[in-house]
PDB file of all heavy atoms in Angstrom:
ATOM      1  N   ARG A   1     262.113 402.812 -87.248  1.00  0.00           N
ATOM      2  CA  ARG A   1     263.134 403.359 -86.313  1.00  0.00           C
ATOM      3  C   ARG A   1     262.985 404.868 -86.075  1.00  0.00           C
ATOM      4  O   ARG A   1     263.611 405.416 -85.191  1.00  0.00           O
ATOM      5  CB  ARG A   1     264.541 403.041 -86.815  1.00  0.00           C
ATOM      6  CG  ARG A   1     265.022 403.780 -88.034  1.00  0.00           C
ATOM      7  CD  ARG A   1     266.356 403.202 -88.493  1.00  0.00           C
ATOM      8  NE  ARG A   1     266.893 403.844 -89.680  1.00  0.00           N
ATOM      9  CZ  ARG A   1     267.770 404.837 -89.644  1.00  0.00           C
ATOM     10  NH1 ARG A   1     268.187 405.326 -88.494  1.00  0.00           N
ATOM     11  NH2 ARG A   1     268.237 405.364 -90.772  1.00  0.00           N
ATOM     12  N   PHE A   2     262.146 405.507 -86.898  1.00  0.00           N
ATOM     13  CA  PHE A   2     261.909 406.954 -86.707  1.00  0.00           C
ATOM     14  C   PHE A   2     260.612 407.231 -85.928  1.00  0.00           C
ATOM     15  O   PHE A   2     260.266 408.382 -85.714  1.00  0.00           O
ATOM     16  CB  PHE A   2     261.825 407.659 -88.063  1.00  0.00           C
ATOM     17  CG  PHE A   2     263.048 407.472 -88.915  1.00  0.00           C
ATOM     18  CD1 PHE A   2     263.010 406.739 -90.091  1.00  0.00           C
ATOM     19  CD2 PHE A   2     264.258 408.062 -88.545  1.00  0.00           C
ATOM     20  CE1 PHE A   2     264.143 406.566 -90.868  1.00  0.00           C
ATOM     21  CE2 PHE A   2     265.397 407.901 -89.328  1.00  0.00           C
ATOM     22  CZ  PHE A   2     265.327 407.134 -90.488  1.00  0.00           C
ATOM     23  N   ILE A   3     259.901 406.141 -85.536  1.00  0.00           N
ATOM     24  CA  ILE A   3     258.616 406.315 -84.871  1.00  0.00           C
ATOM     25  C   ILE A   3     258.741 405.963 -83.386  1.00  0.00           C
ATOM     26  O   ILE A   3     259.222 404.892 -83.024  1.00  0.00           O
ATOM     27  CB  ILE A   3     257.540 405.374 -85.521  1.00  0.00           C
ATOM     28  CG1 ILE A   3     257.508 405.557 -87.054  1.00  0.00           C
ATOM     29  CG2 ILE A   3     256.180 405.623 -84.906  1.00  0.00           C
ATOM     30  CD1 ILE A   3     257.119 406.915 -87.514  1.00  0.00           C
ATOM     31  N   GLU A   4     258.306 406.891 -82.528  1.00  0.00           N
ATOM     32  CA  GLU A   4     258.352 406.632 -81.089  1.00  0.00           C
ATOM     33  C   GLU A   4     257.259 405.675 -80.692  1.00  0.00           C
ATOM     34  O   GLU A   4     256.101 405.850 -81.062  1.00  0.00           O
ATOM     35  CB  GLU A   4     258.213 407.946 -80.326  1.00  0.00           C
ATOM     36  CG  GLU A   4     258.310 407.789 -78.817  1.00  0.00           C
ATOM     37  CD  GLU A   4     258.132 409.068 -78.072  1.00  0.00           C
ATOM     38  OE1 GLU A   4     258.058 410.141 -78.722  1.00  0.00           O
ATOM     39  OE2 GLU A   4     258.046 409.018 -76.836  1.00  0.00           O
ATOM     40  N   ASN A   5     257.616 404.648 -79.968  1.00  0.00           N
ATOM     41  CA  ASN A   5     256.654 403.629 -79.534  1.00  0.00           C
ATOM     42  C   ASN A   5     255.904 404.070 -78.277  1.00  0.00           C
ATOM     43  O   ASN A   5     256.469 404.077 -77.188  1.00  0.00           O
ATOM     44  CB  ASN A   5     257.368 402.284 -79.296  1.00  0.00           C
ATOM     45  CG  ASN A   5     256.411 401.173 -78.923  1.00  0.00           C
ATOM     46  OD1 ASN A   5     255.201 401.379 -78.830  1.00  0.00           O
ATOM     47  ND2 ASN A   5     256.948 399.989 -78.723  1.00  0.00           N
ATOM     48  N   ASP A   6     254.655 404.487 -78.443  1.00  0.00           N
ATOM     49  CA  ASP A   6     253.857 404.853 -77.279  1.00  0.00           C
ATOM     50  C   ASP A   6     252.661 403.913 -77.115  1.00  0.00           C
ATOM     51  O   ASP A   6     251.747 404.186 -76.343  1.00  0.00           O
ATOM     52  CB  ASP A   6     253.354 406.297 -77.404  1.00  0.00           C
ATOM     53  CG  ASP A   6     252.409 406.476 -78.588  1.00  0.00           C
ATOM     54  OD1 ASP A   6     252.415 405.621 -79.465  1.00  0.00           O
ATOM     55  OD2 ASP A   6     251.679 407.492 -78.580  1.00  0.00           O
ATOM     56  N   ILE A   7     252.672 402.782 -77.837  1.00  0.00           N
ATOM     57  CA  ILE A   7     251.564 401.822 -77.765  1.00  0.00           C
ATOM     58  C   ILE A   7     252.010 400.515 -77.141  1.00  0.00           C
ATOM     59  O   ILE A   7     251.525 400.105 -76.092  1.00  0.00           O
ATOM     60  CB  ILE A   7     250.987 401.546 -79.181  1.00  0.00           C
ATOM     61  CG1 ILE A   7     250.452 402.843 -79.813  1.00  0.00           C
ATOM     62  CG2 ILE A   7     249.892 400.474 -79.128  1.00  0.00           C
ATOM     63  CD1 ILE A   7     249.977 402.713 -81.242  1.00  0.00           C
ATOM     64  N   ASP A   8     252.963 399.869 -77.802  1.00  0.00           N
ATOM     65  CA  ASP A   8     253.393 398.542 -77.370  1.00  0.00           C
ATOM     66  C   ASP A   8     254.721 398.649 -76.634  1.00  0.00           C
ATOM     67  O   ASP A   8     255.725 398.081 -77.035  1.00  0.00           O
ATOM     68  CB  ASP A   8     253.523 397.632 -78.615  1.00  0.00           C
ATOM     69  CG  ASP A   8     253.802 396.195 -78.225  1.00  0.00           C
ATOM     70  OD1 ASP A   8     253.549 395.844 -77.075  1.00  0.00           O
ATOM     71  OD2 ASP A   8     254.317 395.460 -79.081  1.00  0.00           O
ATOM     72  N   LYS A   9     254.711 399.402 -75.530  1.00  0.00           N
ATOM     73  CA  LYS A   9     255.942 399.644 -74.810  1.00  0.00           C
ATOM     74  C   LYS A   9     256.164 398.566 -73.753  1.00  0.00           C
ATOM     75  O   LYS A   9     255.311 398.353 -72.912  1.00  0.00           O
ATOM     76  CB  LYS A   9     255.915 401.031 -74.140  1.00  0.00           C
ATOM     77  CG  LYS A   9     257.254 401.416 -73.548  1.00  0.00           C
ATOM     78  CD  LYS A   9     257.223 402.812 -73.017  1.00  0.00           C
ATOM     79  CE  LYS A   9     258.577 403.215 -72.449  1.00  0.00           C
ATOM     80  NZ  LYS A   9     258.591 404.577 -71.906  1.00  0.00           N
ATOM     81  N   LYS A  10     257.317 397.932 -73.796  1.00  0.00           N
ATOM     82  CA  LYS A  10     257.646 396.892 -72.817  1.00  0.00           C
ATOM     83  C   LYS A  10     258.401 397.522 -71.651  1.00  0.00           C
ATOM     84  O   LYS A  10     259.257 398.379 -71.852  1.00  0.00           O
ATOM     85  CB  LYS A  10     258.484 395.805 -73.475  1.00  0.00           C
ATOM     86  CG  LYS A  10     257.730 395.030 -74.557  1.00  0.00           C
ATOM     87  CD  LYS A  10     258.600 393.956 -75.179  1.00  0.00           C
ATOM     88  CE  LYS A  10     257.833 393.202 -76.233  1.00  0.00           C
ATOM     89  NZ  LYS A  10     258.659 392.162 -76.896  1.00  0.00           N
ATOM     90  N   ILE A  11     258.094 397.052 -70.485  1.00  0.00           N
ATOM     91  CA  ILE A  11     258.758 397.549 -69.277  1.00  0.00           C
ATOM     92  C   ILE A  11     259.843 396.543 -68.885  1.00  0.00           C
ATOM     93  O   ILE A  11     259.558 395.356 -68.698  1.00  0.00           O
ATOM     94  CB  ILE A  11     257.784 397.723 -68.109  1.00  0.00           C
ATOM     95  CG1 ILE A  11     256.584 398.590 -68.530  1.00  0.00           C
ATOM     96  CG2 ILE A  11     258.473 398.301 -66.901  1.00  0.00           C
ATOM     97  CD1 ILE A  11     256.942 399.983 -68.937  1.00  0.00           C
ATOM     98  N   SER A  12     261.069 397.021 -68.794  1.00  0.00           N
ATOM     99  CA  SER A  12     262.162 396.136 -68.440  1.00  0.00           C
ATOM    100  C   SER A  12     262.156 395.877 -66.936  1.00  0.00           C
ATOM    101  O   SER A  12     261.622 396.660 -66.157  1.00  0.00           O
ATOM    102  CB  SER A  12     263.500 396.741 -68.866  1.00  0.00           C
ATOM    103  OG  SER A  12     263.778 397.896 -68.084  1.00  0.00           O
ATOM    104  N   LEU A  13     262.805 394.770 -66.542  1.00  0.00           N
ATOM    105  CA  LEU A  13     262.900 394.426 -65.136  1.00  0.00           C
ATOM    106  C   LEU A  13     263.649 395.482 -64.341  1.00  0.00           C
ATOM    107  O   LEU A  13     263.299 395.803 -63.201  1.00  0.00           O
ATOM    108  CB  LEU A  13     263.593 393.071 -64.979  1.00  0.00           C
ATOM    109  CG  LEU A  13     262.772 391.837 -65.385  1.00  0.00           C
ATOM    110  CD1 LEU A  13     263.631 390.605 -65.332  1.00  0.00           C
ATOM    111  CD2 LEU A  13     261.558 391.678 -64.483  1.00  0.00           C
ATOM    112  N   SER A  14     264.685 396.032 -64.973  1.00  0.00           N
ATOM    113  CA  SER A  14     265.477 397.063 -64.280  1.00  0.00           C
ATOM    114  C   SER A  14     264.632 398.303 -63.984  1.00  0.00           C
ATOM    115  O   SER A  14     264.788 398.940 -62.946  1.00  0.00           O
ATOM    116  CB  SER A  14     266.691 397.458 -65.124  1.00  0.00           C
ATOM    117  OG  SER A  14     266.289 397.947 -66.381  1.00  0.00           O
ATOM    118  N   GLU A  15     263.717 398.622 -64.934  1.00  0.00           N
ATOM    119  CA  GLU A  15     262.824 399.774 -64.729  1.00  0.00           C
ATOM    120  C   GLU A  15     261.827 399.489 -63.597  1.00  0.00           C
ATOM    121  O   GLU A  15     261.537 400.329 -62.767  1.00  0.00           O
ATOM    122  CB  GLU A  15     262.088 400.120 -66.019  1.00  0.00           C
ATOM    123  CG  GLU A  15     262.973 400.729 -67.091  1.00  0.00           C
ATOM    124  CD  GLU A  15     262.237 400.958 -68.387  1.00  0.00           C
ATOM    125  OE1 GLU A  15     261.547 400.028 -68.868  1.00  0.00           O
ATOM    126  OE2 GLU A  15     262.343 402.081 -68.937  1.00  0.00           O
ATOM    127  N   LEU A  16     261.289 398.266 -63.613  1.00  0.00           N
ATOM    128  CA  LEU A  16     260.320 397.880 -62.606  1.00  0.00           C
ATOM    129  C   LEU A  16     260.912 397.873 -61.192  1.00  0.00           C
ATOM    130  O   LEU A  16     260.262 398.239 -60.226  1.00  0.00           O
ATOM    131  CB  LEU A  16     259.731 396.495 -62.933  1.00  0.00           C
ATOM    132  CG  LEU A  16     258.665 396.465 -64.026  1.00  0.00           C
ATOM    133  CD1 LEU A  16     258.357 395.029 -64.421  1.00  0.00           C
ATOM    134  CD2 LEU A  16     257.407 397.178 -63.579  1.00  0.00           C
ATOM    135  N   ARG A  17     262.166 397.454 -61.109  1.00  0.00           N
ATOM    136  CA  ARG A  17     262.858 397.392 -59.798  1.00  0.00           C
ATOM    137  C   ARG A  17     262.953 398.796 -59.159  1.00  0.00           C
ATOM    138  O   ARG A  17     262.928 398.939 -57.945  1.00  0.00           O
ATOM    139  CB  ARG A  17     264.232 396.778 -59.947  1.00  0.00           C
ATOM    140  CG  ARG A  17     264.239 395.278 -60.189  1.00  0.00           C
ATOM    141  CD  ARG A  17     265.620 394.686 -60.038  1.00  0.00           C
ATOM    142  NE  ARG A  17     265.647 393.302 -60.379  1.00  0.00           N
ATOM    143  CZ  ARG A  17     266.114 392.838 -61.573  1.00  0.00           C
ATOM    144  NH1 ARG A  17     266.583 393.667 -62.473  1.00  0.00           N
ATOM    145  NH2 ARG A  17     266.115 391.535 -61.809  1.00  0.00           N
ATOM    146  N   LYS A  18     263.093 399.801 -60.023  1.00  0.00           N
ATOM    147  CA  LYS A  18     263.244 401.167 -59.557  1.00  0.00           C
ATOM    148  C   LYS A  18     261.908 401.818 -59.187  1.00  0.00           C
ATOM    149  O   LYS A  18     261.862 402.842 -58.509  1.00  0.00           O
ATOM    150  CB  LYS A  18     263.959 402.008 -60.612  1.00  0.00           C
ATOM    151  CG  LYS A  18     265.376 401.578 -60.889  1.00  0.00           C
ATOM    152  CD  LYS A  18     265.962 402.384 -62.034  1.00  0.00           C
ATOM    153  CE  LYS A  18     267.364 401.922 -62.391  1.00  0.00           C
ATOM    154  NZ  LYS A  18     267.924 402.643 -63.557  1.00  0.00           N
ATOM    155  N   MET A  19     260.824 401.197 -59.651  1.00  0.00           N
ATOM    156  CA  MET A  19     259.506 401.789 -59.423  1.00  0.00           C
ATOM    157  C   MET A  19     258.913 401.362 -58.066  1.00  0.00           C
ATOM    158  O   MET A  19     259.132 400.250 -57.589  1.00  0.00           O
ATOM    159  CB  MET A  19     258.542 401.337 -60.539  1.00  0.00           C
ATOM    160  CG  MET A  19     258.888 401.888 -61.905  1.00  0.00           C
ATOM    161  SD  MET A  19     257.912 401.166 -63.248  1.00  0.00           S
ATOM    162  CE  MET A  19     256.321 401.927 -62.893  1.00  0.00           C
ATOM    163  N   LYS A  20     258.171 402.301 -57.468  1.00  0.00           N
ATOM    164  CA  LYS A  20     257.444 402.006 -56.229  1.00  0.00           C
ATOM    165  C   LYS A  20     256.154 401.279 -56.570  1.00  0.00           C
ATOM    166  O   LYS A  20     255.666 401.347 -57.705  1.00  0.00           O
ATOM    167  CB  LYS A  20     257.165 403.311 -55.498  1.00  0.00           C
ATOM    168  CG  LYS A  20     258.397 404.057 -55.050  1.00  0.00           C
ATOM    169  CD  LYS A  20     258.042 405.366 -54.377  1.00  0.00           C
ATOM    170  CE  LYS A  20     259.286 406.141 -53.957  1.00  0.00           C
ATOM    171  NZ  LYS A  20     258.947 407.454 -53.348  1.00  0.00           N
ATOM    172  N   LEU A  21     255.584 400.631 -55.568  1.00  0.00           N
ATOM    173  CA  LEU A  21     254.355 399.874 -55.770  1.00  0.00           C
ATOM    174  C   LEU A  21     253.236 400.784 -56.310  1.00  0.00           C
ATOM    175  O   LEU A  21     252.476 400.400 -57.196  1.00  0.00           O
ATOM    176  CB  LEU A  21     253.908 399.221 -54.444  1.00  0.00           C
ATOM    177  CG  LEU A  21     252.664 398.323 -54.523  1.00  0.00           C
ATOM    178  CD1 LEU A  21     252.858 397.181 -55.518  1.00  0.00           C
ATOM    179  CD2 LEU A  21     252.304 397.790 -53.147  1.00  0.00           C
ATOM    180  N   GLU A  22     253.165 402.002 -55.770  1.00  0.00           N
ATOM    181  CA  GLU A  22     252.143 402.951 -56.206  1.00  0.00           C
ATOM    182  C   GLU A  22     252.308 403.290 -57.677  1.00  0.00           C
ATOM    183  O   GLU A  22     251.341 403.469 -58.412  1.00  0.00           O
ATOM    184  CB  GLU A  22     252.214 404.237 -55.364  1.00  0.00           C
ATOM    185  CG  GLU A  22     251.823 404.097 -53.902  1.00  0.00           C
ATOM    186  CD  GLU A  22     252.918 403.459 -53.077  1.00  0.00           C
ATOM    187  OE1 GLU A  22     254.074 403.377 -53.562  1.00  0.00           O
ATOM    188  OE2 GLU A  22     252.646 403.022 -51.941  1.00  0.00           O
ATOM    189  N   GLU A  23     253.600 403.393 -58.100  1.00  0.00           N
ATOM    190  CA  GLU A  23     253.885 403.750 -59.509  1.00  0.00           C
ATOM    191  C   GLU A  23     253.472 402.603 -60.420  1.00  0.00           C
ATOM    192  O   GLU A  23     252.977 402.836 -61.540  1.00  0.00           O
ATOM    193  CB  GLU A  23     255.365 404.055 -59.681  1.00  0.00           C
ATOM    194  CG  GLU A  23     255.791 405.352 -58.993  1.00  0.00           C
ATOM    195  CD  GLU A  23     257.291 405.603 -59.064  1.00  0.00           C
ATOM    196  OE1 GLU A  23     258.051 404.622 -58.983  1.00  0.00           O
ATOM    197  OE2 GLU A  23     257.684 406.786 -59.195  1.00  0.00           O
ATOM    198  N   ILE A  24     253.709 401.358 -59.987  1.00  0.00           N
ATOM    199  CA  ILE A  24     253.326 400.193 -60.783  1.00  0.00           C
ATOM    200  C   ILE A  24     251.803 400.151 -60.914  1.00  0.00           C
ATOM    201  O   ILE A  24     251.250 399.895 -61.985  1.00  0.00           O
ATOM    202  CB  ILE A  24     253.853 398.886 -60.152  1.00  0.00           C
ATOM    203  CG1 ILE A  24     255.375 398.859 -60.190  1.00  0.00           C
ATOM    204  CG2 ILE A  24     253.283 397.668 -60.881  1.00  0.00           C
ATOM    205  CD1 ILE A  24     256.012 397.690 -59.504  1.00  0.00           C
ATOM    206  N   LYS A  25     251.091 400.423 -59.802  1.00  0.00           N
ATOM    207  CA  LYS A  25     249.641 400.433 -59.819  1.00  0.00           C
ATOM    208  C   LYS A  25     249.135 401.502 -60.767  1.00  0.00           C
ATOM    209  O   LYS A  25     248.172 401.305 -61.523  1.00  0.00           O
ATOM    210  CB  LYS A  25     249.097 400.686 -58.408  1.00  0.00           C
ATOM    211  CG  LYS A  25     249.224 399.482 -57.479  1.00  0.00           C
ATOM    212  CD  LYS A  25     248.683 399.824 -56.111  1.00  0.00           C
ATOM    213  CE  LYS A  25     248.774 398.646 -55.148  1.00  0.00           C
ATOM    214  NZ  LYS A  25     248.264 398.980 -53.800  1.00  0.00           N
ATOM    215  N   GLU A  26     249.787 402.666 -60.725  1.00  0.00           N
ATOM    216  CA  GLU A  26     249.403 403.780 -61.613  1.00  0.00           C
ATOM    217  C   GLU A  26     249.626 403.415 -63.065  1.00  0.00           C
ATOM    218  O   GLU A  26     248.807 403.733 -63.941  1.00  0.00           O
ATOM    219  CB  GLU A  26     250.199 405.029 -61.225  1.00  0.00           C
ATOM    220  CG  GLU A  26     249.757 406.274 -61.990  1.00  0.00           C
ATOM    221  CD  GLU A  26     250.584 407.502 -61.637  1.00  0.00           C
ATOM    222  OE1 GLU A  26     251.351 407.444 -60.643  1.00  0.00           O
ATOM    223  OE2 GLU A  26     250.454 408.511 -62.353  1.00  0.00           O
ATOM    224  N   LEU A  27     250.767 402.745 -63.311  1.00  0.00           N
ATOM    225  CA  LEU A  27     251.082 402.319 -64.662  1.00  0.00           C
ATOM    226  C   LEU A  27     250.037 401.359 -65.207  1.00  0.00           C
ATOM    227  O   LEU A  27     249.554 401.499 -66.340  1.00  0.00           O
ATOM    228  CB  LEU A  27     252.458 401.651 -64.680  1.00  0.00           C
ATOM    229  CG  LEU A  27     252.943 401.068 -66.015  1.00  0.00           C
ATOM    230  CD1 LEU A  27     253.161 402.186 -67.033  1.00  0.00           C
ATOM    231  CD2 LEU A  27     254.217 400.273 -65.822  1.00  0.00           C
ATOM    232  N   ILE A  28     249.642 400.402 -64.352  1.00  0.00           N
ATOM    233  CA  ILE A  28     248.617 399.430 -64.757  1.00  0.00           C
ATOM    234  C   ILE A  28     247.292 400.146 -64.988  1.00  0.00           C
ATOM    235  O   ILE A  28     246.552 399.812 -65.925  1.00  0.00           O
ATOM    236  CB  ILE A  28     248.473 398.320 -63.706  1.00  0.00           C
ATOM    237  CG1 ILE A  28     249.777 397.513 -63.611  1.00  0.00           C
ATOM    238  CG2 ILE A  28     247.308 397.380 -64.020  1.00  0.00           C
ATOM    239  CD1 ILE A  28     249.823 396.531 -62.466  1.00  0.00           C
ATOM    240  N   GLY A  29     247.005 401.131 -64.150  1.00  0.00           N
ATOM    241  CA  GLY A  29     245.755 401.859 -64.288  1.00  0.00           C
ATOM    242  C   GLY A  29     245.700 402.658 -65.585  1.00  0.00           C
ATOM    243  O   GLY A  29     244.667 402.772 -66.224  1.00  0.00           O
ATOM    244  N   LYS A  30     246.853 403.235 -65.969  1.00  0.00           N
ATOM    245  CA  LYS A  30     246.911 404.037 -67.197  1.00  0.00           C
ATOM    246  C   LYS A  30     246.857 403.188 -68.450  1.00  0.00           C
ATOM    247  O   LYS A  30     246.303 403.551 -69.457  1.00  0.00           O
ATOM    248  CB  LYS A  30     248.161 404.915 -67.200  1.00  0.00           C
ATOM    249  CG  LYS A  30     248.080 406.106 -66.272  1.00  0.00           C
ATOM    250  CD  LYS A  30     249.366 406.924 -66.392  1.00  0.00           C
ATOM    251  CE  LYS A  30     249.285 408.167 -65.497  1.00  0.00           C
ATOM    252  NZ  LYS A  30     250.515 408.972 -65.568  1.00  0.00           N
ATOM    253  N   ASN A  31     247.514 402.044 -68.382  1.00  0.00           N
ATOM    254  CA  ASN A  31     247.610 401.219 -69.596  1.00  0.00           C
ATOM    255  C   ASN A  31     247.405 399.771 -69.206  1.00  0.00           C
ATOM    256  O   ASN A  31     248.278 399.123 -68.646  1.00  0.00           O
ATOM    257  CB  ASN A  31     248.991 401.401 -70.239  1.00  0.00           C
ATOM    258  CG  ASN A  31     249.006 400.816 -71.626  1.00  0.00           C
ATOM    259  OD1 ASN A  31     248.211 399.941 -71.957  1.00  0.00           O
ATOM    260  ND2 ASN A  31     249.903 401.288 -72.469  1.00  0.00           N
ATOM    261  N   LYS A  32     246.250 399.251 -69.465  1.00  0.00           N
ATOM    262  CA  LYS A  32     245.897 397.901 -69.059  1.00  0.00           C
ATOM    263  C   LYS A  32     246.153 396.877 -70.157  1.00  0.00           C
ATOM    264  O   LYS A  32     245.568 395.808 -70.187  1.00  0.00           O
ATOM    265  CB  LYS A  32     244.424 397.834 -68.643  1.00  0.00           C
ATOM    266  CG  LYS A  32     244.138 398.633 -67.379  1.00  0.00           C
ATOM    267  CD  LYS A  32     242.695 398.464 -66.948  1.00  0.00           C
ATOM    268  CE  LYS A  32     242.436 399.217 -65.669  1.00  0.00           C
ATOM    269  NZ  LYS A  32     241.050 399.073 -65.197  1.00  0.00           N
ATOM    270  N   LYS A  33     246.996 397.234 -71.074  1.00  0.00           N
ATOM    271  CA  LYS A  33     247.299 396.308 -72.168  1.00  0.00           C
ATOM    272  C   LYS A  33     247.907 395.029 -71.632  1.00  0.00           C
ATOM    273  O   LYS A  33     248.695 395.064 -70.682  1.00  0.00           O
ATOM    274  CB  LYS A  33     248.215 396.958 -73.197  1.00  0.00           C
ATOM    275  CG  LYS A  33     247.491 397.959 -74.073  1.00  0.00           C
ATOM    276  CD  LYS A  33     248.375 398.405 -75.204  1.00  0.00           C
ATOM    277  CE  LYS A  33     247.578 399.274 -76.168  1.00  0.00           C
ATOM    278  NZ  LYS A  33     246.593 398.524 -76.887  1.00  0.00           N
ATOM    279  N   GLU A  34     247.578 393.959 -72.227  1.00  0.00           N
ATOM    280  CA  GLU A  34     247.988 392.646 -71.759  1.00  0.00           C
ATOM    281  C   GLU A  34     249.493 392.495 -71.612  1.00  0.00           C
ATOM    282  O   GLU A  34     249.973 391.897 -70.663  1.00  0.00           O
ATOM    283  CB  GLU A  34     247.456 391.575 -72.743  1.00  0.00           C
ATOM    284  CG  GLU A  34     247.720 390.151 -72.283  1.00  0.00           C
ATOM    285  CD  GLU A  34     247.181 389.141 -73.281  1.00  0.00           C
ATOM    286  OE1 GLU A  34     246.501 389.521 -74.219  1.00  0.00           O
ATOM    287  OE2 GLU A  34     247.479 387.964 -73.071  1.00  0.00           O
ATOM    288  N   LYS A  35     250.271 393.070 -72.551  1.00  0.00           N
ATOM    289  CA  LYS A  35     251.723 392.866 -72.514  1.00  0.00           C
ATOM    290  C   LYS A  35     252.361 393.532 -71.292  1.00  0.00           C
ATOM    291  O   LYS A  35     253.332 393.017 -70.743  1.00  0.00           O
ATOM    292  CB  LYS A  35     252.354 393.358 -73.804  1.00  0.00           C
ATOM    293  CG  LYS A  35     252.040 392.455 -74.975  1.00  0.00           C
ATOM    294  CD  LYS A  35     252.836 392.849 -76.202  1.00  0.00           C
ATOM    295  CE  LYS A  35     252.546 391.902 -77.357  1.00  0.00           C
ATOM    296  NZ  LYS A  35     253.306 392.249 -78.561  1.00  0.00           N
ATOM    297  N   ILE A  36     251.811 394.668 -70.879  1.00  0.00           N
ATOM    298  CA  ILE A  36     252.356 395.337 -69.706  1.00  0.00           C
ATOM    299  C   ILE A  36     252.025 394.561 -68.449  1.00  0.00           C
ATOM    300  O   ILE A  36     252.854 394.383 -67.538  1.00  0.00           O
ATOM    301  CB  ILE A  36     251.822 396.791 -69.600  1.00  0.00           C
ATOM    302  CG1 ILE A  36     252.371 397.619 -70.766  1.00  0.00           C
ATOM    303  CG2 ILE A  36     252.197 397.424 -68.276  1.00  0.00           C
ATOM    304  CD1 ILE A  36     251.953 399.057 -70.757  1.00  0.00           C
ATOM    305  N   LEU A  37     250.794 394.043 -68.398  1.00  0.00           N
ATOM    306  CA  LEU A  37     250.386 393.229 -67.260  1.00  0.00           C
ATOM    307  C   LEU A  37     251.257 391.989 -67.164  1.00  0.00           C
ATOM    308  O   LEU A  37     251.648 391.571 -66.063  1.00  0.00           O
ATOM    309  CB  LEU A  37     248.897 392.843 -67.413  1.00  0.00           C
ATOM    310  CG  LEU A  37     247.902 393.991 -67.213  1.00  0.00           C
ATOM    311  CD1 LEU A  37     246.500 393.529 -67.605  1.00  0.00           C
ATOM    312  CD2 LEU A  37     247.901 394.493 -65.782  1.00  0.00           C
ATOM    313  N   LYS A  38     251.538 391.407 -68.318  1.00  0.00           N
ATOM    314  CA  LYS A  38     252.382 390.196 -68.335  1.00  0.00           C
ATOM    315  C   LYS A  38     253.783 390.535 -67.802  1.00  0.00           C
ATOM    316  O   LYS A  38     254.407 389.714 -67.136  1.00  0.00           O
ATOM    317  CB  LYS A  38     252.457 389.628 -69.748  1.00  0.00           C
ATOM    318  CG  LYS A  38     251.251 388.808 -70.146  1.00  0.00           C
ATOM    319  CD  LYS A  38     251.447 388.200 -71.511  1.00  0.00           C
ATOM    320  CE  LYS A  38     250.227 387.338 -71.899  1.00  0.00           C
ATOM    321  NZ  LYS A  38     250.408 386.759 -73.227  1.00  0.00           N
ATOM    322  N   SER A  39     254.288 391.732 -68.149  1.00  0.00           N
ATOM    323  CA  SER A  39     255.617 392.129 -67.680  1.00  0.00           C
ATOM    324  C   SER A  39     255.653 392.198 -66.165  1.00  0.00           C
ATOM    325  O   SER A  39     256.596 391.750 -65.527  1.00  0.00           O
ATOM    326  CB  SER A  39     255.987 393.504 -68.260  1.00  0.00           C
ATOM    327  OG  SER A  39     256.134 393.428 -69.661  1.00  0.00           O
ATOM    328  N   VAL A  40     254.591 392.767 -65.587  1.00  0.00           N
ATOM    329  CA  VAL A  40     254.493 392.880 -64.133  1.00  0.00           C
ATOM    330  C   VAL A  40     254.397 391.493 -63.493  1.00  0.00           C
ATOM    331  O   VAL A  40     255.079 391.179 -62.521  1.00  0.00           O
ATOM    332  CB  VAL A  40     253.280 393.748 -63.710  1.00  0.00           C
ATOM    333  CG1 VAL A  40     253.142 393.793 -62.198  1.00  0.00           C
ATOM    334  CG2 VAL A  40     253.429 395.166 -64.263  1.00  0.00           C
ATOM    335  N   ILE A  41     253.494 390.677 -64.057  1.00  0.00           N
ATOM    336  CA  ILE A  41     253.305 389.319 -63.527  1.00  0.00           C
ATOM    337  C   ILE A  41     254.593 388.503 -63.623  1.00  0.00           C
ATOM    338  O   ILE A  41     254.987 387.789 -62.696  1.00  0.00           O
ATOM    339  CB  ILE A  41     252.157 388.602 -64.293  1.00  0.00           C
ATOM    340  CG1 ILE A  41     250.826 389.289 -63.957  1.00  0.00           C
ATOM    341  CG2 ILE A  41     252.079 387.127 -63.922  1.00  0.00           C
ATOM    342  CD1 ILE A  41     249.690 388.904 -64.859  1.00  0.00           C
ATOM    343  N   ASN A  42     255.251 388.610 -64.761  1.00  0.00           N
ATOM    344  CA  ASN A  42     256.522 387.873 -64.951  1.00  0.00           C
ATOM    345  C   ASN A  42     257.576 388.336 -63.936  1.00  0.00           C
ATOM    346  O   ASN A  42     258.339 387.552 -63.417  1.00  0.00           O
ATOM    347  CB  ASN A  42     257.038 388.059 -66.377  1.00  0.00           C
ATOM    348  CG  ASN A  42     256.205 387.299 -67.382  1.00  0.00           C
ATOM    349  OD1 ASN A  42     255.523 386.337 -67.025  1.00  0.00           O
ATOM    350  ND2 ASN A  42     256.276 387.709 -68.637  1.00  0.00           N
TER     351      ASN A  42
END
């Protein structure tokens, strides 16, 4: 609980709704980890 999560960060639907398409593409480009991709796909 004292460690900031900068590795396995999940993106919530509410956050995705506020993001523009370009921002989502940029996010995927910066971090191609499977869990983030799954969040977008879901």
